Amino acid sequence: MPRKIKYQDILDAAKAHGENSEPEHEVGDLQEMLALAYNTMTREQREKFLGRAAVRELVERELDGEGPVETEEEHQEAIWQDDSLQFPRLIAEINANVMIRPKDFKDLCESMDLTPDLVKELFDRADTAWENHKRVVCPPREG
């Protein structure tokens, strides 16, 4: 049976390629994977991806050369509207701050048709995604 490839496997393989040959191979592999992913997206998915705060900030910072174009209020609104940021945030904060009673957890598992371990994995993945988002999209402000 072929290996089930995960997102992290792609990052690790690209890094290994760069370490085992030339460092620029890592970047090249990641560029190729981004292009493949982008080309499998629907038009709506592409627009949503390109509209994400982290994507806009990178392009504006590196290509516009004049710093962010949006105001702080617009930036905060974009972060607030970014479901890929807010949904993991919500789940991670619920997991960190709300005690789910055993019966409620059992009901949650049943309603999702998942085992308890898979639901716990979702909580862990949400926490990881939120922590990653905080580092990329919401870095600590200086000053």
Foldseek 3Di string as FASTA:
>chain_A
DDDDDDPVNQLVVLCVVCVVDPVCSSVVSVVVVVVVVLVVDDPVVNVLVCLQLLNQQVCCVPPVVPHDPDDPVVLVVSQVPNCLQVVLVVLLCCVVPPDQDPVNLVVVCVVVVHDSVVVVVVSVVSNVSNVVCCVRSPNDDDD
